[in-house]
C-alpha atoms as a PDB file:
ATOM      1  CA  UNK A   1       9.420 -24.155 -11.888  1.00  0.00           C
ATOM      2  CA  UNK A   2      11.137 -22.181 -14.443  1.00  0.00           C
ATOM      3  CA  UNK A   3       9.130 -20.485 -16.144  1.00  0.00           C
ATOM      4  CA  UNK A   4      10.469 -17.881 -19.555  1.00  0.00           C
ATOM      5  CA  UNK A   5       9.686 -13.996 -19.230  1.00  0.00           C
ATOM      6  CA  UNK A   6       8.454 -13.862 -23.022  1.00  0.00           C
ATOM      7  CA  UNK A   7       9.250 -11.123 -25.047  1.00  0.00           C
ATOM      8  CA  UNK A   8       6.464 -10.651 -28.092  1.00  0.00           C
ATOM      9  CA  UNK A   9       9.503 -12.331 -30.430  1.00  0.00           C
ATOM     10  CA  UNK A  10       9.527 -15.552 -27.740  1.00  0.00           C
ATOM     11  CA  UNK A  11       5.907 -15.776 -26.905  1.00  0.00           C
ATOM     12  CA  UNK A  12       3.801 -18.742 -28.450  1.00  0.00           C
ATOM     13  CA  UNK A  13       1.707 -18.151 -31.374  1.00  0.00           C
ATOM     14  CA  UNK A  14      -1.561 -17.862 -29.857  1.00  0.00           C
ATOM     15  CA  UNK A  15      -0.151 -15.425 -27.027  1.00  0.00           C
ATOM     16  CA  UNK A  16       1.295 -12.738 -28.922  1.00  0.00           C
ATOM     17  CA  UNK A  17      -2.374 -11.205 -29.977  1.00  0.00           C
ATOM     18  CA  UNK A  18      -3.069 -11.373 -26.016  1.00  0.00           C
ATOM     19  CA  UNK A  19       0.166 -10.114 -25.368  1.00  0.00           C
ATOM     20  CA  UNK A  20      -0.179  -7.030 -27.756  1.00  0.00           C
ATOM     21  CA  UNK A  21      -3.733  -6.196 -26.584  1.00  0.00           C
ATOM     22  CA  UNK A  22      -2.046  -6.027 -22.649  1.00  0.00           C
ATOM     23  CA  UNK A  23       0.652  -3.760 -24.014  1.00  0.00           C
ATOM     24  CA  UNK A  24      -1.625  -1.669 -26.183  1.00  0.00           C
ATOM     25  CA  UNK A  25      -3.886  -0.816 -22.875  1.00  0.00           C
ATOM     26  CA  UNK A  26      -1.101  -0.804 -20.735  1.00  0.00           C
ATOM     27  CA  UNK A  27       2.084   0.847 -22.355  1.00  0.00           C
ATOM     28  CA  UNK A  28       4.176  -2.405 -21.816  1.00  0.00           C
ATOM     29  CA  UNK A  29       3.714  -6.193 -20.835  1.00  0.00           C
ATOM     30  CA  UNK A  30       4.083  -6.659 -17.513  1.00  0.00           C
ATOM     31  CA  UNK A  31       6.782  -9.659 -16.299  1.00  0.00           C
ATOM     32  CA  UNK A  32       3.607 -11.004 -14.699  1.00  0.00           C
ATOM     33  CA  UNK A  33       1.989 -11.309 -18.076  1.00  0.00           C
ATOM     34  CA  UNK A  34       5.087 -12.217 -19.928  1.00  0.00           C
ATOM     35  CA  UNK A  35       5.407 -15.492 -17.990  1.00  0.00           C
ATOM     36  CA  UNK A  36       1.803 -16.212 -18.501  1.00  0.00           C
ATOM     37  CA  UNK A  37       2.445 -16.281 -22.152  1.00  0.00           C
ATOM     38  CA  UNK A  38       3.965 -19.328 -21.768  1.00  0.00           C
ATOM     39  CA  UNK A  39      -0.112 -20.911 -21.541  1.00  0.00           C
ATOM     40  CA  UNK A  40      -2.027 -19.108 -24.212  1.00  0.00           C
ATOM     41  CA  UNK A  41      -4.975 -20.292 -22.601  1.00  0.00           C
ATOM     42  CA  UNK A  42      -3.787 -18.786 -19.067  1.00  0.00           C
ATOM     43  CA  UNK A  43      -2.793 -15.969 -20.418  1.00  0.00           C
ATOM     44  CA  UNK A  44      -6.259 -15.182 -22.342  1.00  0.00           C
ATOM     45  CA  UNK A  45      -7.614 -16.368 -18.214  1.00  0.00           C
ATOM     46  CA  UNK A  46      -5.268 -13.332 -17.085  1.00  0.00           C
ATOM     47  CA  UNK A  47      -6.616 -10.923 -19.787  1.00  0.00           C
ATOM     48  CA  UNK A  48     -10.135 -11.954 -19.311  1.00  0.00           C
ATOM     49  CA  UNK A  49      -9.544 -11.204 -15.141  1.00  0.00           C
ATOM     50  CA  UNK A  50      -7.393  -8.282 -15.399  1.00  0.00           C
ATOM     51  CA  UNK A  51     -10.167  -6.646 -18.206  1.00  0.00           C
ATOM     52  CA  UNK A  52     -13.126  -7.599 -16.196  1.00  0.00           C
ATOM     53  CA  UNK A  53     -11.482  -6.709 -12.351  1.00  0.00           C
ATOM     54  CA  UNK A  54     -10.888  -3.316 -14.120  1.00  0.00           C
ATOM     55  CA  UNK A  55     -14.328  -2.680 -15.092  1.00  0.00           C
ATOM     56  CA  UNK A  56     -16.005  -3.449 -11.838  1.00  0.00           C
ATOM     57  CA  UNK A  57     -17.978  -0.873 -10.189  1.00  0.00           C
ATOM     58  CA  UNK A  58     -16.031  -0.891  -6.952  1.00  0.00           C
ATOM     59  CA  UNK A  59     -14.302   2.088  -5.344  1.00  0.00           C
ATOM     60  CA  UNK A  60     -11.029   2.257  -7.198  1.00  0.00           C
ATOM     61  CA  UNK A  61      -9.342   2.159  -3.680  1.00  0.00           C
ATOM     62  CA  UNK A  62     -11.182  -0.495  -2.149  1.00  0.00           C
ATOM     63  CA  UNK A  63     -10.673  -2.806  -5.458  1.00  0.00           C
ATOM     64  CA  UNK A  64      -6.562  -2.369  -4.631  1.00  0.00           C
ATOM     65  CA  UNK A  65      -6.579  -2.625  -1.007  1.00  0.00           C
ATOM     66  CA  UNK A  66      -8.716  -6.078  -1.862  1.00  0.00           C
ATOM     67  CA  UNK A  67      -5.999  -7.071  -4.192  1.00  0.00           C
ATOM     68  CA  UNK A  68      -3.165  -6.167  -1.862  1.00  0.00           C
ATOM     69  CA  UNK A  69      -4.808  -7.903   0.970  1.00  0.00           C
ATOM     70  CA  UNK A  70      -5.549 -10.805  -1.110  1.00  0.00           C
ATOM     71  CA  UNK A  71      -2.237 -10.939  -2.208  1.00  0.00           C
ATOM     72  CA  UNK A  72      -0.216 -10.923   1.111  1.00  0.00           C
ATOM     73  CA  UNK A  73      -3.114 -13.641   2.368  1.00  0.00           C
ATOM     74  CA  UNK A  74      -1.232 -16.086  -0.636  1.00  0.00           C
ATOM     75  CA  UNK A  75       2.173 -14.835  -0.101  1.00  0.00           C
ATOM     76  CA  UNK A  76       2.016 -12.972  -3.822  1.00  0.00           C
ATOM     77  CA  UNK A  77       5.118 -10.707  -3.939  1.00  0.00           C
ATOM     78  CA  UNK A  78       3.856  -9.138  -7.214  1.00  0.00           C
ATOM     79  CA  UNK A  79       0.874  -8.790  -6.080  1.00  0.00           C
ATOM     80  CA  UNK A  80       2.175  -6.814  -2.850  1.00  0.00           C
ATOM     81  CA  UNK A  81       4.610  -4.667  -5.386  1.00  0.00           C
ATOM     82  CA  UNK A  82       1.529  -3.989  -7.875  1.00  0.00           C
ATOM     83  CA  UNK A  83      -1.125  -2.992  -5.309  1.00  0.00           C
ATOM     84  CA  UNK A  84       0.975  -1.530  -3.542  1.00  0.00           C
ATOM     85  CA  UNK A  85       2.194   1.388  -5.896  1.00  0.00           C
ATOM     86  CA  UNK A  86      -1.426   1.577  -7.329  1.00  0.00           C
ATOM     87  CA  UNK A  87      -2.587   2.087  -4.062  1.00  0.00           C
ATOM     88  CA  UNK A  88       0.123   5.317  -2.947  1.00  0.00           C
ATOM     89  CA  UNK A  89      -0.674   6.604  -6.895  1.00  0.00           C
ATOM     90  CA  UNK A  90      -4.117   6.675  -5.200  1.00  0.00           C
ATOM     91  CA  UNK A  91      -3.329   8.921  -2.990  1.00  0.00           C
ATOM     92  CA  UNK A  92      -3.524   6.107   0.233  1.00  0.00           C
ATOM     93  CA  UNK A  93      -0.933   6.640   2.857  1.00  0.00           C
ATOM     94  CA  UNK A  94       2.427   4.366   3.451  1.00  0.00           C
ATOM     95  CA  UNK A  95       1.211   3.811   6.465  1.00  0.00           C
ATOM     96  CA  UNK A  96      -2.468   2.617   5.806  1.00  0.00           C
ATOM     97  CA  UNK A  97      -0.345   0.370   3.207  1.00  0.00           C
ATOM     98  CA  UNK A  98       1.770  -0.797   5.490  1.00  0.00           C
ATOM     99  CA  UNK A  99      -1.005  -1.655   7.381  1.00  0.00           C
ATOM    100  CA  UNK A 100      -2.314  -4.327   4.665  1.00  0.00           C
ATOM    101  CA  UNK A 101       0.867  -5.920   4.099  1.00  0.00           C
ATOM    102  CA  UNK A 102       1.452  -6.624   7.552  1.00  0.00           C
ATOM    103  CA  UNK A 103      -1.532  -8.612   7.099  1.00  0.00           C
ATOM    104  CA  UNK A 104      -3.803  -5.705   9.316  1.00  0.00           C
ATOM    105  CA  UNK A 105      -6.604  -3.603   8.099  1.00  0.00           C
ATOM    106  CA  UNK A 106      -6.599   0.039   7.092  1.00  0.00           C
ATOM    107  CA  UNK A 107      -8.068   2.463   9.070  1.00  0.00           C
ATOM    108  CA  UNK A 108     -11.038   3.835   7.017  1.00  0.00           C
ATOM    109  CA  UNK A 109     -14.513   1.446   7.979  1.00  0.00           C
ATOM    110  CA  UNK A 110     -15.192   0.184   4.667  1.00  0.00           C
ATOM    111  CA  UNK A 111     -12.335  -0.034   3.481  1.00  0.00           C
ATOM    112  CA  UNK A 112     -11.524  -2.457   6.320  1.00  0.00           C
ATOM    113  CA  UNK A 113     -14.802  -4.555   6.007  1.00  0.00           C
ATOM    114  CA  UNK A 114     -14.096  -5.067   2.394  1.00  0.00           C
ATOM    115  CA  UNK A 115     -10.236  -6.416   2.846  1.00  0.00           C
ATOM    116  CA  UNK A 116     -11.452  -8.092   6.211  1.00  0.00           C
ATOM    117  CA  UNK A 117     -13.759 -10.010   3.671  1.00  0.00           C
ATOM    118  CA  UNK A 118     -11.741 -10.561   1.098  1.00  0.00           C
ATOM    119  CA  UNK A 119      -9.060 -12.260   3.018  1.00  0.00           C
ATOM    120  CA  UNK A 120     -12.103 -14.464   4.701  1.00  0.00           C
ATOM    121  CA  UNK A 121     -13.250 -15.506   0.854  1.00  0.00           C
ATOM    122  CA  UNK A 122      -9.821 -16.545  -0.136  1.00  0.00           C
ATOM    123  CA  UNK A 123      -8.526 -18.488   3.507  1.00  0.00           C
ATOM    124  CA  UNK A 124     -11.906 -19.456   3.894  1.00  0.00           C
ATOM    125  CA  UNK A 125     -12.361 -20.770   0.424  1.00  0.00           C
ATOM    126  CA  UNK A 126     -15.757 -18.760   0.212  1.00  0.00           C
ATOM    127  CA  UNK A 127     -16.882 -20.218   3.483  1.00  0.00           C
ATOM    128  CA  UNK A 128     -17.372 -16.590   5.105  1.00  0.00           C
ATOM    129  CA  UNK A 129     -19.063 -15.785   8.202  1.00  0.00           C
ATOM    130  CA  UNK A 130     -22.485 -14.241   7.427  1.00  0.00           C
ATOM    131  CA  UNK A 131     -21.961 -11.501  10.251  1.00  0.00           C
ATOM    132  CA  UNK A 132     -19.269 -10.591   7.516  1.00  0.00           C
ATOM    133  CA  UNK A 133     -21.516  -9.961   4.590  1.00  0.00           C
ATOM    134  CA  UNK A 134     -24.133  -8.154   6.707  1.00  0.00           C
ATOM    135  CA  UNK A 135     -21.445  -5.839   7.963  1.00  0.00           C
ATOM    136  CA  UNK A 136     -20.497  -4.824   3.635  1.00  0.00           C
ATOM    137  CA  UNK A 137     -24.542  -5.010   2.997  1.00  0.00           C
ATOM    138  CA  UNK A 138     -24.995  -2.573   5.813  1.00  0.00           C
ATOM    139  CA  UNK A 139     -21.953  -0.698   5.125  1.00  0.00           C
ATOM    140  CA  UNK A 140     -24.022   0.121   1.343  1.00  0.00           C
ATOM    141  CA  UNK A 141     -22.483  -2.541  -0.768  1.00  0.00           C
ATOM    142  CA  UNK A 142     -24.810  -4.865  -2.830  1.00  0.00           C
ATOM    143  CA  UNK A 143     -24.174  -8.269  -3.594  1.00  0.00           C
ATOM    144  CA  UNK A 144     -23.354  -7.644  -6.813  1.00  0.00           C
ATOM    145  CA  UNK A 145     -20.469  -5.729  -5.317  1.00  0.00           C
ATOM    146  CA  UNK A 146     -19.327  -8.578  -2.538  1.00  0.00           C
ATOM    147  CA  UNK A 147     -18.969 -10.964  -5.685  1.00  0.00           C
ATOM    148  CA  UNK A 148     -17.140  -7.938  -7.733  1.00  0.00           C
ATOM    149  CA  UNK A 149     -14.529  -8.352  -4.805  1.00  0.00           C
ATOM    150  CA  UNK A 150     -14.558 -12.458  -5.344  1.00  0.00           C
ATOM    151  CA  UNK A 151     -13.328 -11.813  -8.817  1.00  0.00           C
ATOM    152  CA  UNK A 152     -10.630  -9.447  -7.420  1.00  0.00           C
ATOM    153  CA  UNK A 153      -9.475 -12.551  -4.917  1.00  0.00           C
ATOM    154  CA  UNK A 154      -9.670 -15.149  -8.053  1.00  0.00           C
ATOM    155  CA  UNK A 155      -7.367 -12.450  -9.728  1.00  0.00           C
ATOM    156  CA  UNK A 156      -5.038 -11.702  -7.048  1.00  0.00           C
ATOM    157  CA  UNK A 157      -5.523 -15.710  -5.985  1.00  0.00           C
ATOM    158  CA  UNK A 158      -4.324 -16.730  -9.454  1.00  0.00           C
ATOM    159  CA  UNK A 159      -1.480 -14.184  -9.529  1.00  0.00           C
ATOM    160  CA  UNK A 160       0.253 -15.829  -6.480  1.00  0.00           C
ATOM    161  CA  UNK A 161      -0.344 -19.231  -8.023  1.00  0.00           C
ATOM    162  CA  UNK A 162       1.819 -18.181 -10.687  1.00  0.00           C
ATOM    163  CA  UNK A 163       4.295 -16.229  -8.643  1.00  0.00           C
ATOM    164  CA  UNK A 164       4.878 -18.963  -6.317  1.00  0.00           C
ATOM    165  CA  UNK A 165       5.348 -21.640  -8.884  1.00  0.00           C
ATOM    166  CA  UNK A 166       7.925 -19.702 -10.927  1.00  0.00           C
ATOM    167  CA  UNK A 167       9.922 -19.015  -7.447  1.00  0.00           C
ATOM    168  CA  UNK A 168       8.921 -15.022  -7.741  1.00  0.00           C
ATOM    169  CA  UNK A 169       8.719 -13.749 -10.878  1.00  0.00           C
ATOM    170  CA  UNK A 170      10.907 -10.818 -11.335  1.00  0.00           C
ATOM    171  CA  UNK A 171       8.916  -7.198 -10.593  1.00  0.00           C
ATOM    172  CA  UNK A 172       9.452  -4.937 -13.355  1.00  0.00           C
ATOM    173  CA  UNK A 173      10.738  -1.823 -13.271  1.00  0.00           C
ATOM    174  CA  UNK A 174       7.900   0.036 -12.662  1.00  0.00           C
ATOM    175  CA  UNK A 175       7.638  -1.934  -9.229  1.00  0.00           C
ATOM    176  CA  UNK A 176      10.940  -2.655  -8.041  1.00  0.00           C
ATOM    177  CA  UNK A 177      11.359   1.601  -7.559  1.00  0.00           C
ATOM    178  CA  UNK A 178       9.339   3.049  -4.792  1.00  0.00           C
ATOM    179  CA  UNK A 179       6.792   5.473  -6.787  1.00  0.00           C
ATOM    180  CA  UNK A 180       6.620   8.918  -4.801  1.00  0.00           C
ATOM    181  CA  UNK A 181       7.876   7.365  -1.602  1.00  0.00           C
ATOM    182  CA  UNK A 182       5.250   4.406  -1.475  1.00  0.00           C
ATOM    183  CA  UNK A 183       6.147   1.307  -0.064  1.00  0.00           C
ATOM    184  CA  UNK A 184       6.755  -2.096  -1.960  1.00  0.00           C
ATOM    185  CA  UNK A 185       7.616  -5.321  -0.879  1.00  0.00           C
END
């Protein structure tokens, strides 16, 4: 499906205030948001999920690792590029990022468990093995934290659907260039 990467001028009227808010928050309108702007309803969902996952109590590395793991699981190239870049900026090594990009798990045990849970949530549509939940609860995560991971899964999954529907959204310049040597797809 051909989707337009909108500007503030070309976006539907109802999408413009949302795009302006995203630009105010991020300093730019990412191509994914500009593409979603074709539908003011979906852009509103995107913005609400974006803000929601950013405000979770999850460790930022775990949250971004979940985003990367889910992006890999749903074949979301835009999400892989975005979460890889953010993980690199958070100090995660190229080797750890590459492990997740290849469908594996990072070496840090809690992060690995969180990524495994997120991947299982997406691939089984929530039919997660109770033992997986027990591992996370035993590692100190709460049920609230697990549901916050589900929010990130939902956000990354939605981006994956749009990325695939569009035949891949063109990566922004900040995603197309490796940041400080960190990997991008």
